[in-house]
Amino acid sequence: MFLYGYLLAYAIGAFLLALALRNYKGPQQQEALHRIGSPSSSGTYATDVNCIICCENMSIILFEPCNHKGLCRECSKEYLKYSNRCPFCRRKIDDSIDMS
């Protein structure tokens, strides 16, 4: 059972890496990735603004019940095809809400 969980986590990680590499834009994206998790001047976090996968679109999808937000509409659709777990806390996603 442990091995199954490990393989599932590995597959999801590989999927997220493939999405990120597919959308790689060079130094601009490296700067965006560096900002993720760092408070901005407004006191919000970069994940409140940019999708953690493509780093281009606004993060507008809120996962419930954990209330994490960090993916755009397109990336969340792709992500939810492969996993029903929050990419941040791994809690089961009951619903995703478009906050736009």
N, C-alpha and C. Protein backbone atom coordinates (compact mmCIF):
# COMPACT_ATOMS: atom_id res chain seq x y z
N MET A 1 0.83 -1.19 0.00
CA MET A 1 0.00 0.00 0.00
C MET A 1 0.88 1.26 0.00
N PHE A 2 1.95 1.22 0.79
CA PHE A 2 2.86 2.36 0.84
C PHE A 2 3.48 2.61 -0.53
N LEU A 3 3.85 1.53 -1.21
CA LEU A 3 4.46 1.67 -2.53
C LEU A 3 3.48 2.30 -3.51
N TYR A 4 2.22 1.92 -3.44
CA TYR A 4 1.20 2.51 -4.31
C TYR A 4 1.10 4.02 -4.09
N GLY A 5 1.07 4.45 -2.85
CA GLY A 5 1.02 5.88 -2.54
C GLY A 5 2.24 6.61 -3.05
N TYR A 6 3.40 5.99 -2.89
CA TYR A 6 4.65 6.59 -3.36
C TYR A 6 4.63 6.74 -4.88
N LEU A 7 4.20 5.70 -5.57
CA LEU A 7 4.15 5.75 -7.03
C LEU A 7 3.15 6.79 -7.52
N LEU A 8 2.01 6.90 -6.84
CA LEU A 8 1.02 7.90 -7.21
C LEU A 8 1.58 9.31 -7.03
N ALA A 9 2.25 9.55 -5.90
CA ALA A 9 2.85 10.86 -5.66
C ALA A 9 3.92 11.16 -6.71
N TYR A 10 4.71 10.16 -7.07
CA TYR A 10 5.74 10.34 -8.09
C TYR A 10 5.11 10.68 -9.44
N ALA A 11 4.03 9.99 -9.81
CA ALA A 11 3.36 10.24 -11.08
C ALA A 11 2.78 11.65 -11.13
N ILE A 12 2.19 12.09 -10.05
CA ILE A 12 1.62 13.45 -10.00
C ILE A 12 2.73 14.48 -10.09
N GLY A 13 3.83 14.25 -9.39
CA GLY A 13 4.96 15.17 -9.46
C GLY A 13 5.53 15.25 -10.87
N ALA A 14 5.64 14.10 -11.53
CA ALA A 14 6.14 14.07 -12.90
C ALA A 14 5.20 14.82 -13.84
N PHE A 15 3.90 14.67 -13.61
CA PHE A 15 2.92 15.39 -14.43
C PHE A 15 3.06 16.90 -14.25
N LEU A 16 3.18 17.35 -13.01
CA LEU A 16 3.33 18.79 -12.76
C LEU A 16 4.62 19.32 -13.37
N LEU A 17 5.70 18.55 -13.27
CA LEU A 17 6.96 18.96 -13.87
C LEU A 17 6.83 19.05 -15.39
N ALA A 18 6.14 18.09 -16.00
CA ALA A 18 5.95 18.13 -17.46
C ALA A 18 5.15 19.35 -17.88
N LEU A 19 4.11 19.69 -17.12
CA LEU A 19 3.34 20.89 -17.43
C LEU A 19 4.20 22.14 -17.30
N ALA A 20 4.99 22.20 -16.25
CA ALA A 20 5.84 23.38 -16.04
C ALA A 20 6.88 23.50 -17.16
N LEU A 21 7.49 22.39 -17.55
CA LEU A 21 8.50 22.43 -18.61
C LEU A 21 7.88 22.76 -19.96
N ARG A 22 6.66 22.29 -20.20
CA ARG A 22 5.97 22.60 -21.45
C ARG A 22 5.75 24.10 -21.60
N ASN A 23 5.53 24.76 -20.49
CA ASN A 23 5.24 26.19 -20.51
C ASN A 23 6.46 27.05 -20.15
N TYR A 24 7.66 26.46 -20.13
CA TYR A 24 8.86 27.19 -19.72
C TYR A 24 9.11 28.38 -20.63
N LYS A 25 9.32 29.55 -20.03
CA LYS A 25 9.51 30.78 -20.79
C LYS A 25 10.86 31.44 -20.54
N GLY A 26 11.75 30.80 -19.80
CA GLY A 26 13.07 31.35 -19.58
C GLY A 26 13.19 32.11 -18.28
N PRO A 27 14.06 33.13 -18.24
CA PRO A 27 14.34 33.88 -17.01
C PRO A 27 13.11 34.50 -16.36
N GLN A 28 12.11 34.88 -17.15
CA GLN A 28 10.90 35.46 -16.57
C GLN A 28 10.22 34.45 -15.67
N GLN A 29 10.15 33.21 -16.11
CA GLN A 29 9.50 32.18 -15.31
C GLN A 29 10.34 31.86 -14.07
N GLN A 30 11.65 31.88 -14.20
CA GLN A 30 12.49 31.63 -13.03
C GLN A 30 12.23 32.68 -11.96
N GLU A 31 12.06 33.92 -12.37
CA GLU A 31 11.74 34.99 -11.42
C GLU A 31 10.38 34.74 -10.78
N ALA A 32 9.41 34.31 -11.58
CA ALA A 32 8.08 34.03 -11.03
C ALA A 32 8.13 32.87 -10.05
N LEU A 33 8.90 31.83 -10.38
CA LEU A 33 9.02 30.69 -9.46
C LEU A 33 9.72 31.10 -8.18
N HIS A 34 10.67 32.01 -8.27
CA HIS A 34 11.37 32.50 -7.08
C HIS A 34 10.42 33.26 -6.16
N ARG A 35 9.44 33.97 -6.75
CA ARG A 35 8.50 34.76 -5.95
C ARG A 35 7.47 33.91 -5.23
N ILE A 36 7.21 32.70 -5.73
CA ILE A 36 6.16 31.87 -5.12
C ILE A 36 6.51 31.60 -3.67
N GLY A 37 5.59 31.91 -2.81
CA GLY A 37 5.78 31.70 -1.39
C GLY A 37 6.45 32.85 -0.69
N SER A 38 6.90 33.87 -1.42
CA SER A 38 7.51 35.05 -0.82
C SER A 38 6.50 36.18 -0.77
N PRO A 39 6.35 36.83 0.38
CA PRO A 39 5.37 37.93 0.44
C PRO A 39 5.74 39.05 -0.52
N SER A 40 4.75 39.59 -1.20
CA SER A 40 4.98 40.74 -2.06
C SER A 40 4.81 42.01 -1.25
N SER A 41 4.98 43.14 -1.87
CA SER A 41 4.87 44.41 -1.15
C SER A 41 3.46 44.65 -0.63
N SER A 42 2.47 44.03 -1.25
CA SER A 42 1.09 44.23 -0.80
C SER A 42 0.72 43.30 0.34
N GLY A 43 1.64 42.39 0.71
CA GLY A 43 1.36 41.47 1.80
C GLY A 43 0.70 40.19 1.34
N THR A 44 0.39 40.08 0.04
CA THR A 44 -0.18 38.84 -0.47
C THR A 44 0.96 37.97 -0.98
N TYR A 45 0.67 36.75 -1.30
CA TYR A 45 1.69 35.85 -1.81
C TYR A 45 1.56 35.75 -3.33
N ALA A 46 2.67 35.40 -3.97
CA ALA A 46 2.68 35.32 -5.43
C ALA A 46 1.65 34.32 -5.94
N THR A 47 1.35 33.28 -5.14
CA THR A 47 0.37 32.30 -5.59
C THR A 47 -1.03 32.90 -5.63
N ASP A 48 -1.24 34.07 -5.02
CA ASP A 48 -2.52 34.75 -5.12
C ASP A 48 -2.66 35.41 -6.48
N VAL A 49 -1.57 35.51 -7.23
CA VAL A 49 -1.58 36.21 -8.50
C VAL A 49 -1.34 35.25 -9.67
N ASN A 50 -0.27 34.48 -9.62
CA ASN A 50 0.12 33.64 -10.75
C ASN A 50 -0.13 32.17 -10.47
N CYS A 51 -0.50 31.46 -11.53
CA CYS A 51 -0.66 30.01 -11.47
C CYS A 51 0.69 29.38 -11.17
N ILE A 52 0.73 28.38 -10.29
CA ILE A 52 2.01 27.75 -9.93
C ILE A 52 2.53 26.84 -11.03
N ILE A 53 1.71 26.50 -12.02
CA ILE A 53 2.16 25.62 -13.09
C ILE A 53 2.64 26.42 -14.30
N CYS A 54 1.80 27.29 -14.84
CA CYS A 54 2.19 28.02 -16.05
C CYS A 54 2.85 29.37 -15.74
N CYS A 55 2.65 29.89 -14.56
CA CYS A 55 3.24 31.17 -14.11
C CYS A 55 2.83 32.35 -14.99
N GLU A 56 1.80 32.20 -15.79
CA GLU A 56 1.35 33.29 -16.65
C GLU A 56 -0.05 33.76 -16.30
N ASN A 57 -0.96 32.83 -16.15
CA ASN A 57 -2.36 33.18 -15.89
C ASN A 57 -2.59 33.42 -14.40
N MET A 58 -3.67 34.14 -14.12
CA MET A 58 -4.05 34.40 -12.74
C MET A 58 -4.50 33.11 -12.07
N SER A 59 -4.13 32.94 -10.80
CA SER A 59 -4.63 31.79 -10.05
C SER A 59 -6.01 32.15 -9.53
N ILE A 60 -7.01 31.46 -10.07
CA ILE A 60 -8.40 31.81 -9.74
C ILE A 60 -9.21 30.63 -9.23
N ILE A 61 -8.59 29.45 -9.17
CA ILE A 61 -9.32 28.26 -8.72
C ILE A 61 -9.03 28.00 -7.25
N LEU A 62 -10.09 27.92 -6.46
CA LEU A 62 -10.00 27.66 -5.02
C LEU A 62 -10.44 26.22 -4.79
N PHE A 63 -9.60 25.44 -4.11
CA PHE A 63 -9.93 24.06 -3.79
C PHE A 63 -10.59 23.99 -2.43
N GLU A 64 -11.67 23.23 -2.35
CA GLU A 64 -12.35 23.03 -1.07
C GLU A 64 -12.21 21.58 -0.65
N PRO A 65 -12.07 21.28 0.61
CA PRO A 65 -12.31 22.10 1.79
C PRO A 65 -11.08 22.81 2.33
N CYS A 66 -9.89 22.63 1.71
CA CYS A 66 -8.67 23.22 2.29
C CYS A 66 -8.51 24.71 1.99
N ASN A 67 -9.24 25.22 0.98
CA ASN A 67 -9.20 26.63 0.59
C ASN A 67 -7.85 27.08 0.05
N HIS A 68 -7.09 26.16 -0.55
CA HIS A 68 -5.86 26.56 -1.22
C HIS A 68 -6.18 27.06 -2.61
N LYS A 69 -5.43 28.07 -3.05
CA LYS A 69 -5.61 28.65 -4.38
C LYS A 69 -4.24 28.85 -4.98
N GLY A 70 -4.07 28.49 -6.25
CA GLY A 70 -2.78 28.68 -6.88
C GLY A 70 -2.73 28.23 -8.33
N LEU A 71 -3.84 27.76 -8.88
CA LEU A 71 -3.87 27.31 -10.26
C LEU A 71 -4.85 28.14 -11.08
N CYS A 72 -4.52 28.29 -12.36
CA CYS A 72 -5.44 28.96 -13.27
C CYS A 72 -6.50 27.95 -13.74
N ARG A 73 -7.46 28.41 -14.47
CA ARG A 73 -8.57 27.56 -14.92
C ARG A 73 -8.06 26.40 -15.80
N GLU A 74 -7.20 26.72 -16.78
CA GLU A 74 -6.73 25.70 -17.71
C GLU A 74 -5.88 24.65 -17.02
N CYS A 75 -4.94 25.08 -16.19
CA CYS A 75 -4.06 24.13 -15.50
C CYS A 75 -4.83 23.29 -14.48
N SER A 76 -5.82 23.89 -13.83
CA SER A 76 -6.59 23.11 -12.85
C SER A 76 -7.42 22.03 -13.55
N LYS A 77 -7.94 22.32 -14.75
CA LYS A 77 -8.68 21.30 -15.50
C LYS A 77 -7.77 20.11 -15.82
N GLU A 78 -6.56 20.40 -16.28
CA GLU A 78 -5.60 19.34 -16.58
C GLU A 78 -5.20 18.59 -15.32
N TYR A 79 -4.92 19.32 -14.25
CA TYR A 79 -4.50 18.69 -12.99
C TYR A 79 -5.58 17.77 -12.44
N LEU A 80 -6.84 18.22 -12.47
CA LEU A 80 -7.93 17.44 -11.90
C LEU A 80 -8.26 16.19 -12.72
N LYS A 81 -7.76 16.10 -13.95
CA LYS A 81 -7.92 14.87 -14.73
C LYS A 81 -7.10 13.73 -14.12
N TYR A 82 -6.00 14.09 -13.44
CA TYR A 82 -5.06 13.09 -12.95
C TYR A 82 -5.06 12.92 -11.44
N SER A 83 -5.61 13.88 -10.72
CA SER A 83 -5.57 13.79 -9.26
C SER A 83 -6.78 14.49 -8.65
N ASN A 84 -7.24 13.95 -7.54
CA ASN A 84 -8.32 14.59 -6.78
C ASN A 84 -7.79 15.10 -5.44
N ARG A 85 -6.48 15.32 -5.37
CA ARG A 85 -5.82 15.80 -4.15
C ARG A 85 -5.26 17.20 -4.38
N CYS A 86 -5.33 18.03 -3.34
CA CYS A 86 -4.79 19.38 -3.42
C CYS A 86 -3.28 19.31 -3.69
N PRO A 87 -2.75 20.09 -4.65
CA PRO A 87 -1.32 20.05 -4.92
C PRO A 87 -0.47 20.66 -3.80
N PHE A 88 -1.10 21.35 -2.87
CA PHE A 88 -0.37 21.98 -1.77
C PHE A 88 -0.34 21.11 -0.52
N CYS A 89 -1.51 20.62 -0.09
CA CYS A 89 -1.58 19.89 1.18
C CYS A 89 -1.95 18.42 1.01
N ARG A 90 -2.25 17.98 -0.21
CA ARG A 90 -2.60 16.60 -0.54
C ARG A 90 -3.95 16.15 0.03
N ARG A 91 -4.74 17.08 0.55
CA ARG A 91 -6.07 16.75 1.06
C ARG A 91 -7.01 16.49 -0.13
N LYS A 92 -7.98 15.60 0.05
CA LYS A 92 -8.92 15.28 -1.02
C LYS A 92 -9.73 16.53 -1.39
N ILE A 93 -9.82 16.81 -2.68
CA ILE A 93 -10.58 17.96 -3.17
C ILE A 93 -12.04 17.54 -3.33
N ASP A 94 -12.93 18.22 -2.61
CA ASP A 94 -14.36 17.96 -2.74
C ASP A 94 -14.97 18.82 -3.84
N ASP A 95 -14.42 20.03 -4.03
CA ASP A 95 -14.97 20.95 -5.01
C ASP A 95 -13.89 21.95 -5.39
N SER A 96 -13.97 22.48 -6.60
CA SER A 96 -13.09 23.57 -7.03
C SER A 96 -13.97 24.72 -7.47
N ILE A 97 -13.64 25.91 -6.98
CA ILE A 97 -14.47 27.09 -7.22
C ILE A 97 -13.69 28.09 -8.05
N ASP A 98 -14.30 28.57 -9.12
CA ASP A 98 -13.71 29.61 -9.97
C ASP A 98 -13.97 30.95 -9.31
N MET A 99 -12.91 31.63 -8.87
CA MET A 99 -13.03 32.89 -8.13
C MET A 99 -13.00 34.12 -9.04
N SER A 100 -13.03 33.92 -10.38
CA SER A 100 -12.96 35.07 -11.29
C SER A 100 -14.26 35.84 -11.32
